[in-house]
């Protein structure tokens, strides 16, 4: 069962991450969004530990950018490219 699941995952991700694939940029936006989310959470944790957190700091900007990237990635799945 696990072997079949891993093969399915490899096939799906291989097709999605092909450079010319239809969902390549959508997956890329989601991955960069998760990377930015990790960075934003680190900034939040660090500033709250130091006691210097306030609303509207750099961490909130990174958080907004991360959510925007994830949203753009999801929109890429909903609205696929249309051939001209």
PDB file of N, CA and C in Angstrom:
ATOM      1  N   UNK A   1       0.827  -1.196   0.000  1.00  0.00           N
ATOM      2  CA  UNK A   1       0.000   0.000   0.000  1.00  0.00           C
ATOM      3  C   UNK A   1       0.866   1.253   0.000  1.00  0.00           C
ATOM      4  N   UNK A   2       1.866   1.270   0.857  1.00  0.00           N
ATOM      5  CA  UNK A   2       2.724   2.448   0.943  1.00  0.00           C
ATOM      6  C   UNK A   2       3.504   2.654  -0.347  1.00  0.00           C
ATOM      7  N   UNK A   3       3.943   1.559  -0.958  1.00  0.00           N
ATOM      8  CA  UNK A   3       4.700   1.662  -2.202  1.00  0.00           C
ATOM      9  C   UNK A   3       3.850   2.260  -3.317  1.00  0.00           C
ATOM     10  N   UNK A   4       2.584   1.857  -3.377  1.00  0.00           N
ATOM     11  CA  UNK A   4       1.695   2.410  -4.395  1.00  0.00           C
ATOM     12  C   UNK A   4       1.442   3.896  -4.151  1.00  0.00           C
ATOM     13  N   UNK A   5       1.310   4.259  -2.893  1.00  0.00           N
ATOM     14  CA  UNK A   5       1.092   5.666  -2.552  1.00  0.00           C
ATOM     15  C   UNK A   5       2.307   6.508  -2.941  1.00  0.00           C
ATOM     16  N   UNK A   6       3.497   6.006  -2.641  1.00  0.00           N
ATOM     17  CA  UNK A   6       4.709   6.744  -2.990  1.00  0.00           C
ATOM     18  C   UNK A   6       4.882   6.875  -4.493  1.00  0.00           C
ATOM     19  N   UNK A   7       4.566   5.824  -5.230  1.00  0.00           N
ATOM     20  CA  UNK A   7       4.661   5.892  -6.687  1.00  0.00           C
ATOM     21  C   UNK A   7       3.669   6.915  -7.243  1.00  0.00           C
ATOM     22  N   UNK A   8       2.438   6.901  -6.705  1.00  0.00           N
ATOM     23  CA  UNK A   8       1.437   7.875  -7.133  1.00  0.00           C
ATOM     24  C   UNK A   8       1.904   9.301  -6.847  1.00  0.00           C
ATOM     25  N   UNK A   9       2.460   9.524  -5.652  1.00  0.00           N
ATOM     26  CA  UNK A   9       2.944  10.859  -5.278  1.00  0.00           C
ATOM     27  C   UNK A   9       4.079  11.300  -6.194  1.00  0.00           C
ATOM     28  N   UNK A  10       4.992  10.388  -6.509  1.00  0.00           N
ATOM     29  CA  UNK A  10       6.114  10.719  -7.396  1.00  0.00           C
ATOM     30  C   UNK A  10       5.611  11.073  -8.791  1.00  0.00           C
ATOM     31  N   UNK A  11       4.653  10.323  -9.300  1.00  0.00           N
ATOM     32  CA  UNK A  11       4.114  10.593 -10.630  1.00  0.00           C
ATOM     33  C   UNK A  11       3.379  11.931 -10.670  1.00  0.00           C
ATOM     34  N   UNK A  12       2.599  12.214  -9.645  1.00  0.00           N
ATOM     35  CA  UNK A  12       1.842  13.468  -9.624  1.00  0.00           C
ATOM     36  C   UNK A  12       2.770  14.677  -9.486  1.00  0.00           C
ATOM     37  N   UNK A  13       3.735  14.600  -8.590  1.00  0.00           N
ATOM     38  CA  UNK A  13       4.638  15.722  -8.396  1.00  0.00           C
ATOM     39  C   UNK A  13       5.586  15.876  -9.581  1.00  0.00           C
ATOM     40  N   UNK A  14       5.970  14.767 -10.191  1.00  0.00           N
ATOM     41  CA  UNK A  14       6.831  14.847 -11.364  1.00  0.00           C
ATOM     42  C   UNK A  14       6.147  15.569 -12.504  1.00  0.00           C
ATOM     43  N   UNK A  15       4.869  15.298 -12.686  1.00  0.00           N
ATOM     44  CA  UNK A  15       4.126  15.974 -13.751  1.00  0.00           C
ATOM     45  C   UNK A  15       3.883  17.439 -13.412  1.00  0.00           C
ATOM     46  N   UNK A  16       3.662  17.721 -12.140  1.00  0.00           N
ATOM     47  CA  UNK A  16       3.356  19.098 -11.738  1.00  0.00           C
ATOM     48  C   UNK A  16       4.593  19.984 -11.810  1.00  0.00           C
ATOM     49  N   UNK A  17       5.776  19.410 -11.548  1.00  0.00           N
ATOM     50  CA  UNK A  17       6.981  20.223 -11.516  1.00  0.00           C
ATOM     51  C   UNK A  17       7.760  20.201 -12.817  1.00  0.00           C
ATOM     52  N   UNK A  18       7.213  19.606 -13.865  1.00  0.00           N
ATOM     53  CA  UNK A  18       7.870  19.704 -15.170  1.00  0.00           C
ATOM     54  C   UNK A  18       7.880  21.165 -15.585  1.00  0.00           C
ATOM     55  N   UNK A  19       8.973  21.623 -16.149  1.00  0.00           N
ATOM     56  CA  UNK A  19       9.118  23.043 -16.470  1.00  0.00           C
ATOM     57  C   UNK A  19       8.003  23.539 -17.388  1.00  0.00           C
ATOM     58  N   UNK A  20       7.565  22.722 -18.305  1.00  0.00           N
ATOM     59  CA  UNK A  20       6.511  23.157 -19.214  1.00  0.00           C
ATOM     60  C   UNK A  20       5.129  22.755 -18.759  1.00  0.00           C
ATOM     61  N   UNK A  21       5.013  22.240 -17.538  1.00  0.00           N
ATOM     62  CA  UNK A  21       3.730  21.754 -17.045  1.00  0.00           C
ATOM     63  C   UNK A  21       2.734  22.875 -16.817  1.00  0.00           C
ATOM     64  N   UNK A  22       1.459  22.501 -16.863  1.00  0.00           N
ATOM     65  CA  UNK A  22       0.394  23.488 -16.732  1.00  0.00           C
ATOM     66  C   UNK A  22       0.333  24.076 -15.335  1.00  0.00           C
ATOM     67  N   UNK A  23       0.699  23.289 -14.320  1.00  0.00           N
ATOM     68  CA  UNK A  23       0.585  23.743 -12.936  1.00  0.00           C
ATOM     69  C   UNK A  23       1.928  24.106 -12.315  1.00  0.00           C
ATOM     70  N   UNK A  24       2.952  24.243 -13.135  1.00  0.00           N
ATOM     71  CA  UNK A  24       4.299  24.503 -12.620  1.00  0.00           C
ATOM     72  C   UNK A  24       4.358  25.787 -11.807  1.00  0.00           C
ATOM     73  N   UNK A  25       3.847  26.878 -12.345  1.00  0.00           N
ATOM     74  CA  UNK A  25       3.930  28.169 -11.657  1.00  0.00           C
ATOM     75  C   UNK A  25       2.994  28.223 -10.447  1.00  0.00           C
ATOM     76  N   UNK A  26       1.886  27.502 -10.512  1.00  0.00           N
ATOM     77  CA  UNK A  26       0.988  27.454  -9.353  1.00  0.00           C
ATOM     78  C   UNK A  26       1.680  26.756  -8.189  1.00  0.00           C
ATOM     79  N   UNK A  27       2.322  25.604  -8.447  1.00  0.00           N
ATOM     80  CA  UNK A  27       3.043  24.900  -7.385  1.00  0.00           C
ATOM     81  C   UNK A  27       4.211  25.725  -6.876  1.00  0.00           C
ATOM     82  N   UNK A  28       4.882  26.411  -7.779  1.00  0.00           N
ATOM     83  CA  UNK A  28       6.023  27.239  -7.372  1.00  0.00           C
ATOM     84  C   UNK A  28       5.568  28.371  -6.453  1.00  0.00           C
ATOM     85  N   UNK A  29       4.450  29.015  -6.778  1.00  0.00           N
ATOM     86  CA  UNK A  29       3.930  30.095  -5.930  1.00  0.00           C
ATOM     87  C   UNK A  29       3.540  29.573  -4.556  1.00  0.00           C
ATOM     88  N   UNK A  30       2.939  28.394  -4.512  1.00  0.00           N
ATOM     89  CA  UNK A  30       2.559  27.824  -3.221  1.00  0.00           C
ATOM     90  C   UNK A  30       3.792  27.482  -2.394  1.00  0.00           C
ATOM     91  N   UNK A  31       4.805  26.905  -3.010  1.00  0.00           N
ATOM     92  CA  UNK A  31       6.019  26.557  -2.269  1.00  0.00           C
ATOM     93  C   UNK A  31       6.746  27.795  -1.750  1.00  0.00           C
ATOM     94  N   UNK A  32       6.851  28.825  -2.571  1.00  0.00           N
ATOM     95  CA  UNK A  32       7.469  30.065  -2.090  1.00  0.00           C
ATOM     96  C   UNK A  32       6.622  30.712  -1.005  1.00  0.00           C
ATOM     97  N   UNK A  33       5.303  30.581  -1.116  1.00  0.00           N
ATOM     98  CA  UNK A  33       4.409  31.103  -0.080  1.00  0.00           C
ATOM     99  C   UNK A  33       4.621  30.404   1.253  1.00  0.00           C
ATOM    100  N   UNK A  34       4.784  29.078   1.210  1.00  0.00           N
ATOM    101  CA  UNK A  34       5.055  28.350   2.449  1.00  0.00           C
ATOM    102  C   UNK A  34       6.421  28.710   3.015  1.00  0.00           C
ATOM    103  N   UNK A  35       7.395  28.949   2.145  1.00  0.00           N
ATOM    104  CA  UNK A  35       8.708  29.387   2.620  1.00  0.00           C
ATOM    105  C   UNK A  35       8.632  30.750   3.301  1.00  0.00           C
ATOM    106  N   UNK A  36       7.889  31.665   2.688  1.00  0.00           N
ATOM    107  CA  UNK A  36       7.711  32.987   3.288  1.00  0.00           C
ATOM    108  C   UNK A  36       6.907  32.899   4.583  1.00  0.00           C
ATOM    109  N   UNK A  37       5.954  31.966   4.658  1.00  0.00           N
ATOM    110  CA  UNK A  37       5.169  31.778   5.878  1.00  0.00           C
ATOM    111  C   UNK A  37       6.060  31.295   7.023  1.00  0.00           C
ATOM    112  N   UNK A  38       6.991  30.405   6.712  1.00  0.00           N
ATOM    113  CA  UNK A  38       7.943  29.936   7.714  1.00  0.00           C
ATOM    114  C   UNK A  38       8.782  31.105   8.236  1.00  0.00           C
ATOM    115  N   UNK A  39       9.248  31.955   7.325  1.00  0.00           N
ATOM    116  CA  UNK A  39      10.048  33.116   7.702  1.00  0.00           C
ATOM    117  C   UNK A  39       9.223  34.097   8.540  1.00  0.00           C
ATOM    118  N   UNK A  40       7.956  34.316   8.166  1.00  0.00           N
ATOM    119  CA  UNK A  40       7.084  35.230   8.913  1.00  0.00           C
ATOM    120  C   UNK A  40       6.801  34.694  10.315  1.00  0.00           C
ATOM    121  N   UNK A  41       6.581  33.387  10.426  1.00  0.00           N
ATOM    122  CA  UNK A  41       6.351  32.796  11.752  1.00  0.00           C
ATOM    123  C   UNK A  41       7.595  32.884  12.625  1.00  0.00           C
ATOM    124  N   UNK A  42       8.760  32.740  12.005  1.00  0.00           N
ATOM    125  CA  UNK A  42       9.999  32.893  12.764  1.00  0.00           C
ATOM    126  C   UNK A  42      10.140  34.319  13.296  1.00  0.00           C
ATOM    127  N   UNK A  43       9.837  35.301  12.442  1.00  0.00           N
ATOM    128  CA  UNK A  43       9.924  36.703  12.870  1.00  0.00           C
ATOM    129  C   UNK A  43       8.936  36.965  14.011  1.00  0.00           C
ATOM    130  N   UNK A  44       7.726  36.440  13.891  1.00  0.00           N
ATOM    131  CA  UNK A  44       6.728  36.627  14.945  1.00  0.00           C
ATOM    132  C   UNK A  44       7.201  36.006  16.261  1.00  0.00           C
ATOM    133  N   UNK A  45       7.690  34.775  16.196  1.00  0.00           N
ATOM    134  CA  UNK A  45       8.146  34.105  17.418  1.00  0.00           C
ATOM    135  C   UNK A  45       9.328  34.827  18.048  1.00  0.00           C
ATOM    136  N   UNK A  46      10.242  35.277  17.207  1.00  0.00           N
ATOM    137  CA  UNK A  46      11.434  35.963  17.709  1.00  0.00           C
ATOM    138  C   UNK A  46      11.079  37.290  18.372  1.00  0.00           C
ATOM    139  N   UNK A  47      10.210  38.073  17.721  1.00  0.00           N
ATOM    140  CA  UNK A  47       9.878  39.390  18.280  1.00  0.00           C
ATOM    141  C   UNK A  47       9.011  39.272  19.534  1.00  0.00           C
ATOM    142  N   UNK A  48       8.134  38.254  19.594  1.00  0.00           N
ATOM    143  CA  UNK A  48       7.351  38.091  20.820  1.00  0.00           C
ATOM    144  C   UNK A  48       8.220  37.584  21.965  1.00  0.00           C
ATOM    145  N   UNK A  49       9.237  36.789  21.659  1.00  0.00           N
ATOM    146  CA  UNK A  49      10.150  36.329  22.714  1.00  0.00           C
ATOM    147  C   UNK A  49      10.943  37.499  23.291  1.00  0.00           C
ATOM    148  N   UNK A  50      11.358  38.408  22.409  1.00  0.00           N
ATOM    149  CA  UNK A  50      12.099  39.579  22.875  1.00  0.00           C
ATOM    150  C   UNK A  50      11.199  40.634  23.510  1.00  0.00           C
ATOM    151  N   UNK A  51       9.903  40.535  23.265  1.00  0.00           N
ATOM    152  CA  UNK A  51       8.973  41.526  23.800  1.00  0.00           C
ATOM    153  C   UNK A  51       8.921  42.788  22.966  1.00  0.00           C
ATOM    154  N   UNK A  52       9.347  42.707  21.699  1.00  0.00           N
ATOM    155  CA  UNK A  52       9.363  43.889  20.837  1.00  0.00           C
ATOM    156  C   UNK A  52       8.300  43.830  19.749  1.00  0.00           C
ATOM    157  N   UNK A  53       7.356  42.899  19.856  1.00  0.00           N
ATOM    158  CA  UNK A  53       6.328  42.770  18.816  1.00  0.00           C
ATOM    159  C   UNK A  53       5.343  43.920  18.911  1.00  0.00           C
ATOM    160  N   UNK A  54       5.006  44.466  17.752  1.00  0.00           N
ATOM    161  CA  UNK A  54       3.910  45.425  17.651  1.00  0.00           C
ATOM    162  C   UNK A  54       3.248  45.234  16.291  1.00  0.00           C
ATOM    163  N   UNK A  55       2.004  45.649  16.183  1.00  0.00           N
ATOM    164  CA  UNK A  55       1.265  45.461  14.932  1.00  0.00           C
ATOM    165  C   UNK A  55       1.864  46.309  13.817  1.00  0.00           C
ATOM    166  N   UNK A  56       1.910  45.744  12.632  1.00  0.00           N
ATOM    167  CA  UNK A  56       2.394  46.481  11.471  1.00  0.00           C
ATOM    168  C   UNK A  56       3.896  46.452  11.303  1.00  0.00           C
ATOM    169  N   UNK A  57       4.577  45.503  11.937  1.00  0.00           N
ATOM    170  CA  UNK A  57       6.033  45.443  11.762  1.00  0.00           C
ATOM    171  C   UNK A  57       6.373  44.629  10.520  1.00  0.00           C
ATOM    172  N   UNK A  58       7.662  44.381  10.319  1.00  0.00           N
ATOM    173  CA  UNK A  58       8.139  43.678   9.127  1.00  0.00           C
ATOM    174  C   UNK A  58       7.552  42.272   9.026  1.00  0.00           C
ATOM    175  N   UNK A  59       7.347  41.605  10.124  1.00  0.00           N
ATOM    176  CA  UNK A  59       6.777  40.264  10.120  1.00  0.00           C
ATOM    177  C   UNK A  59       5.370  40.227   9.549  1.00  0.00           C
ATOM    178  N   UNK A  60       4.578  41.246   9.810  1.00  0.00           N
ATOM    179  CA  UNK A  60       3.232  41.309   9.246  1.00  0.00           C
ATOM    180  C   UNK A  60       3.280  41.494   7.731  1.00  0.00           C
ATOM    181  N   UNK A  61       4.248  42.254   7.246  1.00  0.00           N
ATOM    182  CA  UNK A  61       4.410  42.419   5.805  1.00  0.00           C
ATOM    183  C   UNK A  61       4.777  41.088   5.148  1.00  0.00           C
ATOM    184  N   UNK A  62       5.692  40.352   5.743  1.00  0.00           N
ATOM    185  CA  UNK A  62       6.093  39.053   5.196  1.00  0.00           C
ATOM    186  C   UNK A  62       4.921  38.083   5.244  1.00  0.00           C
ATOM    187  N   UNK A  63       4.137  38.126   6.308  1.00  0.00           N
ATOM    188  CA  UNK A  63       2.956  37.278   6.423  1.00  0.00           C
ATOM    189  C   UNK A  63       1.949  37.581   5.312  1.00  0.00           C
ATOM    190  N   UNK A  64       1.737  38.862   5.015  1.00  0.00           N
ATOM    191  CA  UNK A  64       0.822  39.258   3.948  1.00  0.00           C
ATOM    192  C   UNK A  64       1.324  38.790   2.593  1.00  0.00           C
ATOM    193  N   UNK A  65       2.616  38.910   2.353  1.00  0.00           N
ATOM    194  CA  UNK A  65       3.201  38.444   1.093  1.00  0.00           C
ATOM    195  C   UNK A  65       3.054  36.927   0.970  1.00  0.00           C
ATOM    196  N   UNK A  66       3.267  36.209   2.062  1.00  0.00           N
ATOM    197  CA  UNK A  66       3.146  34.749   2.039  1.00  0.00           C
ATOM    198  C   UNK A  66       1.722  34.323   1.689  1.00  0.00           C
ATOM    199  N   UNK A  67       0.746  34.931   2.320  1.00  0.00           N
ATOM    200  CA  UNK A  67      -0.638  34.577   2.014  1.00  0.00           C
ATOM    201  C   UNK A  67      -1.013  34.960   0.587  1.00  0.00           C
ATOM    202  N   UNK A  68      -0.458  36.042   0.081  1.00  0.00           N
ATOM    203  CA  UNK A  68      -0.718  36.427  -1.310  1.00  0.00           C
ATOM    204  C   UNK A  68      -0.142  35.396  -2.273  1.00  0.00           C
ATOM    205  N   UNK A  69       1.071  34.928  -2.006  1.00  0.00           N
ATOM    206  CA  UNK A  69       1.673  33.919  -2.868  1.00  0.00           C
ATOM    207  C   UNK A  69       0.876  32.615  -2.846  1.00  0.00           C
ATOM    208  N   UNK A  70       0.440  32.199  -1.673  1.00  0.00           N
ATOM    209  CA  UNK A  70      -0.364  30.980  -1.585  1.00  0.00           C
ATOM    210  C   UNK A  70      -1.694  31.165  -2.325  1.00  0.00           C
ATOM    211  N   UNK A  71      -2.285  32.337  -2.213  1.00  0.00           N
ATOM    212  CA  UNK A  71      -3.549  32.604  -2.913  1.00  0.00           C
ATOM    213  C   UNK A  71      -3.358  32.600  -4.421  1.00  0.00           C
ATOM    214  N   UNK A  72      -2.265  33.183  -4.903  1.00  0.00           N
ATOM    215  CA  UNK A  72      -1.993  33.169  -6.341  1.00  0.00           C
ATOM    216  C   UNK A  72      -1.796  31.742  -6.841  1.00  0.00           C
ATOM    217  N   UNK A  73      -1.164  30.914  -6.031  1.00  0.00           N
ATOM    218  CA  UNK A  73      -0.978  29.521  -6.405  1.00  0.00           C
ATOM    219  C   UNK A  73      -2.299  28.779  -6.506  1.00  0.00           C
ATOM    220  N   UNK A  74      -3.195  29.023  -5.565  1.00  0.00           N
ATOM    221  CA  UNK A  74      -4.506  28.368  -5.594  1.00  0.00           C
ATOM    222  C   UNK A  74      -5.309  28.840  -6.799  1.00  0.00           C
ATOM    223  N   UNK A  75      -5.228  30.118  -7.115  1.00  0.00           N
ATOM    224  CA  UNK A  75      -5.934  30.640  -8.286  1.00  0.00           C
ATOM    225  C   UNK A  75      -5.384  29.999  -9.558  1.00  0.00           C
ATOM    226  N   UNK A  76      -4.100  29.663  -9.571  1.00  0.00           N
ATOM    227  CA  UNK A  76      -3.521  28.982 -10.721  1.00  0.00           C
ATOM    228  C   UNK A  76      -4.117  27.609 -10.951  1.00  0.00           C
ATOM    229  N   UNK A  77      -4.598  26.959  -9.884  1.00  0.00           N
ATOM    230  CA  UNK A  77      -5.275  25.682 -10.047  1.00  0.00           C
ATOM    231  C   UNK A  77      -6.707  25.864 -10.541  1.00  0.00           C
ATOM    232  N   UNK A  78      -7.342  26.939 -10.113  1.00  0.00           N
ATOM    233  CA  UNK A  78      -8.746  27.143 -10.462  1.00  0.00           C
ATOM    234  C   UNK A  78      -8.898  27.603 -11.904  1.00  0.00           C
ATOM    235  N   UNK A  79      -8.045  28.526 -12.331  1.00  0.00           N
ATOM    236  CA  UNK A  79      -8.114  29.069 -13.672  1.00  0.00           C
ATOM    237  C   UNK A  79      -6.893  28.624 -14.472  1.00  0.00           C
ATOM    238  N   UNK A  80      -6.987  27.501 -15.146  1.00  0.00           N
ATOM    239  CA  UNK A  80      -5.834  27.040 -15.941  1.00  0.00           C
ATOM    240  C   UNK A  80      -5.634  27.937 -17.163  1.00  0.00           C
ATOM    241  N   UNK A  81      -4.456  27.818 -17.759  1.00  0.00           N
ATOM    242  CA  UNK A  81      -4.144  28.612 -18.950  1.00  0.00           C
ATOM    243  C   UNK A  81      -5.054  28.214 -20.109  1.00  0.00           C
ATOM    244  N   UNK A  82      -5.450  29.204 -20.881  1.00  0.00           N
ATOM    245  CA  UNK A  82      -6.288  28.962 -22.042  1.00  0.00           C
ATOM    246  C   UNK A  82      -5.417  29.144 -23.271  1.00  0.00           C
ATOM    247  N   UNK A  83      -5.448  28.167 -24.181  1.00  0.00           N
ATOM    248  CA  UNK A  83      -4.654  28.274 -25.404  1.00  0.00           C
ATOM    249  C   UNK A  83      -5.284  29.296 -26.335  1.00  0.00           C
ATOM    250  N   UNK A  84      -4.423  30.066 -26.995  1.00  0.00           N
ATOM    251  CA  UNK A  84      -4.928  31.085 -27.930  1.00  0.00           C
ATOM    252  C   UNK A  84      -5.082  30.506 -29.316  1.00  0.00           C
TER     253      UNK A  84
END
